N, C-alpha and C. Protein backbone atom coordinates (compact mmCIF):
# COMPACT_ATOMS: atom_id res chain seq x y z
N MET A 1 140.02 67.49 107.02
CA MET A 1 140.57 67.22 105.70
C MET A 1 142.07 67.48 105.74
N ASP A 2 142.82 66.71 105.04
CA ASP A 2 144.26 66.87 104.97
C ASP A 2 144.61 68.26 104.46
N ILE A 3 145.54 68.93 105.11
CA ILE A 3 145.90 70.30 104.75
C ILE A 3 146.38 70.40 103.30
N LEU A 4 147.09 69.38 102.81
CA LEU A 4 147.57 69.43 101.43
C LEU A 4 146.42 69.37 100.43
N LEU A 5 145.39 68.63 100.75
CA LEU A 5 144.26 68.53 99.83
C LEU A 5 143.42 69.80 99.82
N ASP A 6 143.62 70.64 100.80
CA ASP A 6 142.84 71.86 100.89
C ASP A 6 143.56 73.06 100.25
N ARG A 7 144.79 72.84 99.79
CA ARG A 7 145.52 73.94 99.15
C ARG A 7 144.90 74.30 97.81
N LYS A 8 145.09 75.56 97.44
CA LYS A 8 144.62 76.04 96.15
C LYS A 8 145.84 76.21 95.24
N ILE A 9 145.71 75.78 93.99
CA ILE A 9 146.80 75.83 93.04
C ILE A 9 146.39 76.73 91.87
N LYS A 10 147.26 77.67 91.53
CA LYS A 10 147.05 78.57 90.39
C LYS A 10 147.78 77.95 89.21
N ILE A 11 147.01 77.47 88.23
CA ILE A 11 147.63 76.91 87.02
C ILE A 11 147.62 78.00 85.95
N ILE A 12 148.72 78.05 85.20
CA ILE A 12 149.02 79.23 84.38
C ILE A 12 149.36 78.83 82.94
N TRP A 13 148.84 79.62 82.01
CA TRP A 13 149.19 79.51 80.60
C TRP A 13 149.82 80.83 80.19
N ASP A 14 151.03 80.76 79.64
CA ASP A 14 151.74 81.96 79.17
C ASP A 14 151.45 82.18 77.69
N PHE A 15 151.25 83.44 77.34
CA PHE A 15 151.07 83.83 75.95
C PHE A 15 152.04 84.96 75.65
N ARG A 16 152.74 84.83 74.53
CA ARG A 16 153.76 85.82 74.17
C ARG A 16 153.53 86.28 72.73
N GLY A 17 153.95 87.49 72.46
CA GLY A 17 153.84 88.06 71.13
C GLY A 17 152.92 89.25 71.13
N PRO A 18 152.74 89.88 69.98
CA PRO A 18 151.95 91.12 69.90
C PRO A 18 150.47 90.92 70.24
N ASN A 19 149.96 89.70 70.13
CA ASN A 19 148.55 89.43 70.44
C ASN A 19 148.37 88.73 71.78
N ALA A 20 149.38 88.76 72.63
CA ALA A 20 149.35 88.01 73.89
C ALA A 20 148.15 88.38 74.76
N ALA A 21 147.86 89.65 74.91
CA ALA A 21 146.75 90.08 75.77
C ALA A 21 145.42 89.56 75.24
N HIS A 22 145.21 89.69 73.95
CA HIS A 22 143.96 89.21 73.33
C HIS A 22 143.84 87.69 73.45
N THR A 23 144.92 86.99 73.21
CA THR A 23 144.90 85.53 73.27
C THR A 23 144.62 85.06 74.69
N ALA A 24 145.23 85.68 75.69
CA ALA A 24 145.00 85.30 77.08
C ALA A 24 143.54 85.53 77.47
N ALA A 25 142.97 86.67 77.07
CA ALA A 25 141.57 86.97 77.37
C ALA A 25 140.65 85.95 76.71
N HIS A 26 140.95 85.59 75.48
CA HIS A 26 140.14 84.60 74.77
C HIS A 26 140.25 83.22 75.45
N TYR A 27 141.45 82.85 75.84
CA TYR A 27 141.65 81.55 76.49
C TYR A 27 140.90 81.50 77.82
N LEU A 28 140.85 82.62 78.53
CA LEU A 28 140.12 82.66 79.79
C LEU A 28 138.65 82.30 79.60
N LYS A 29 138.05 82.71 78.50
CA LYS A 29 136.65 82.35 78.22
C LYS A 29 136.49 80.84 78.17
N HIS A 30 137.45 80.16 77.54
CA HIS A 30 137.39 78.70 77.47
C HIS A 30 137.60 78.07 78.85
N LEU A 31 138.47 78.66 79.66
CA LEU A 31 138.67 78.15 81.01
C LEU A 31 137.40 78.29 81.85
N GLU A 32 136.71 79.41 81.71
CA GLU A 32 135.46 79.63 82.43
C GLU A 32 134.40 78.61 82.02
N GLU A 33 134.33 78.28 80.74
CA GLU A 33 133.41 77.25 80.26
C GLU A 33 133.77 75.90 80.87
N PHE A 34 135.05 75.59 80.95
CA PHE A 34 135.51 74.33 81.53
C PHE A 34 135.10 74.23 83.00
N VAL A 35 135.26 75.32 83.74
CA VAL A 35 134.88 75.33 85.16
C VAL A 35 133.40 75.00 85.31
N ASP A 36 132.56 75.58 84.47
CA ASP A 36 131.12 75.33 84.53
C ASP A 36 130.78 73.88 84.20
N VAL A 37 131.36 73.36 83.13
CA VAL A 37 131.05 72.00 82.69
C VAL A 37 131.53 70.97 83.72
N GLU A 38 132.74 71.17 84.23
CA GLU A 38 133.34 70.20 85.15
C GLU A 38 132.95 70.42 86.61
N GLU A 39 132.23 71.52 86.89
CA GLU A 39 131.77 71.85 88.24
C GLU A 39 132.93 71.82 89.24
N LEU A 40 133.99 72.57 88.92
CA LEU A 40 135.15 72.64 89.81
C LEU A 40 134.80 73.37 91.10
N LYS A 41 135.57 73.10 92.13
CA LYS A 41 135.31 73.66 93.46
C LYS A 41 135.35 75.19 93.46
N TYR A 42 136.34 75.76 92.77
CA TYR A 42 136.49 77.22 92.75
C TYR A 42 136.15 77.76 91.37
N ASP A 43 135.68 78.98 91.36
CA ASP A 43 135.37 79.66 90.10
C ASP A 43 136.20 80.93 90.05
N LEU A 44 137.53 80.73 90.02
CA LEU A 44 138.42 81.88 90.03
C LEU A 44 139.45 81.73 88.92
N GLY A 45 139.41 82.63 88.00
CA GLY A 45 140.37 82.66 86.91
C GLY A 45 140.59 84.11 86.55
N GLY A 46 141.58 84.35 85.73
CA GLY A 46 141.84 85.73 85.35
C GLY A 46 142.94 85.83 84.32
N VAL A 47 143.28 87.06 84.05
CA VAL A 47 144.33 87.40 83.09
C VAL A 47 145.25 88.41 83.77
N GLU A 48 146.54 88.27 83.54
CA GLU A 48 147.51 89.26 84.02
C GLU A 48 148.41 89.62 82.85
N HIS A 49 148.78 90.90 82.78
CA HIS A 49 149.63 91.40 81.70
C HIS A 49 150.96 91.87 82.30
N PHE A 50 152.04 91.35 81.80
CA PHE A 50 153.37 91.68 82.31
C PHE A 50 154.11 92.65 81.39
N SER A 51 153.78 92.63 80.13
CA SER A 51 154.37 93.55 79.15
C SER A 51 153.46 93.53 77.93
N PRO A 52 153.71 94.38 76.95
CA PRO A 52 152.88 94.35 75.74
C PRO A 52 152.97 93.01 74.99
N THR A 53 153.97 92.21 75.29
CA THR A 53 154.13 90.95 74.57
C THR A 53 154.12 89.73 75.48
N HIS A 54 153.69 89.88 76.75
CA HIS A 54 153.60 88.72 77.65
C HIS A 54 152.40 88.88 78.58
N SER A 55 151.44 87.96 78.42
CA SER A 55 150.27 87.91 79.27
C SER A 55 150.03 86.48 79.67
N ILE A 56 149.29 86.30 80.77
CA ILE A 56 148.92 84.95 81.19
C ILE A 56 147.42 84.87 81.40
N ALA A 57 146.91 83.66 81.26
CA ALA A 57 145.57 83.31 81.71
C ALA A 57 145.80 82.30 82.83
N TYR A 58 144.97 82.37 83.87
CA TYR A 58 145.15 81.42 84.98
C TYR A 58 143.80 80.95 85.51
N LEU A 59 143.88 79.82 86.20
CA LEU A 59 142.73 79.22 86.82
C LEU A 59 143.18 78.69 88.18
N VAL A 60 142.39 78.92 89.22
CA VAL A 60 142.70 78.41 90.55
C VAL A 60 141.85 77.16 90.77
N VAL A 61 142.53 76.07 91.14
CA VAL A 61 141.84 74.80 91.37
C VAL A 61 142.22 74.26 92.75
N ALA A 62 141.37 73.42 93.29
CA ALA A 62 141.69 72.73 94.53
C ALA A 62 142.75 71.68 94.22
N GLU A 63 143.66 71.45 95.15
CA GLU A 63 144.75 70.52 94.88
C GLU A 63 144.25 69.12 94.52
N PHE A 64 143.14 68.68 95.12
CA PHE A 64 142.64 67.34 94.79
C PHE A 64 142.13 67.26 93.35
N GLU A 65 141.84 68.39 92.71
CA GLU A 65 141.40 68.42 91.31
C GLU A 65 142.56 68.55 90.34
N LEU A 66 143.74 68.88 90.85
CA LEU A 66 144.86 69.27 90.01
C LEU A 66 145.26 68.21 88.99
N LYS A 67 145.43 66.99 89.41
CA LYS A 67 145.92 65.95 88.50
C LYS A 67 145.02 65.80 87.28
N GLU A 68 143.72 65.71 87.50
CA GLU A 68 142.79 65.55 86.39
C GLU A 68 142.74 66.79 85.50
N VAL A 69 142.66 67.97 86.12
CA VAL A 69 142.59 69.21 85.34
C VAL A 69 143.87 69.40 84.54
N ARG A 70 145.01 69.12 85.16
CA ARG A 70 146.30 69.28 84.48
C ARG A 70 146.39 68.36 83.27
N SER A 71 145.91 67.14 83.39
CA SER A 71 145.99 66.20 82.26
C SER A 71 145.08 66.61 81.11
N ILE A 72 144.00 67.30 81.41
CA ILE A 72 143.07 67.73 80.37
C ILE A 72 143.52 69.05 79.73
N LEU A 73 143.89 70.03 80.56
CA LEU A 73 144.14 71.39 80.07
C LEU A 73 145.60 71.70 79.75
N LYS A 74 146.52 70.91 80.24
CA LYS A 74 147.95 71.07 79.92
C LYS A 74 148.48 72.49 80.20
N PRO A 75 148.39 72.96 81.45
CA PRO A 75 148.94 74.29 81.75
C PRO A 75 150.45 74.30 81.58
N HIS A 76 151.00 75.48 81.39
CA HIS A 76 152.44 75.63 81.23
C HIS A 76 153.18 75.53 82.55
N ARG A 77 152.52 76.00 83.62
CA ARG A 77 153.16 75.97 84.94
C ARG A 77 152.10 76.19 86.00
N GLY A 78 152.52 76.14 87.26
CA GLY A 78 151.59 76.35 88.36
C GLY A 78 152.32 76.80 89.60
N GLN A 79 151.55 77.26 90.57
CA GLN A 79 152.10 77.68 91.85
C GLN A 79 151.01 77.62 92.89
N VAL A 80 151.40 77.54 94.16
CA VAL A 80 150.42 77.55 95.23
C VAL A 80 149.77 78.93 95.25
N TYR A 81 148.46 78.95 95.33
CA TYR A 81 147.71 80.21 95.36
C TYR A 81 147.50 80.61 96.81
N THR A 82 147.90 81.82 97.14
CA THR A 82 147.78 82.27 98.54
C THR A 82 146.74 83.36 98.74
N GLY A 83 146.06 83.75 97.69
CA GLY A 83 145.03 84.78 97.81
C GLY A 83 143.73 84.22 98.36
N ASP A 84 142.78 85.09 98.55
CA ASP A 84 141.45 84.70 99.04
C ASP A 84 140.56 84.31 97.88
N ILE A 85 139.67 83.40 98.15
CA ILE A 85 138.68 82.98 97.15
C ILE A 85 137.36 83.63 97.52
């Protein structure tokens, strides 16, 4: 398989404000439902907190899934994921 198609991409949604942590956790539940319905290759998502007013929800997808997932979910940004699945 082409090495580029085998890359994992971390797509990210930023949440800011006093309810950022709660909103990110809630959004992650919807991302997990999406993974189940769409039967995505990876089942890896999470939440990270950077400050009391900035949190993210993220989902790791296979690069070949990225275009379709991005058009449906409209992430704010993304990056190559280098962690283990």
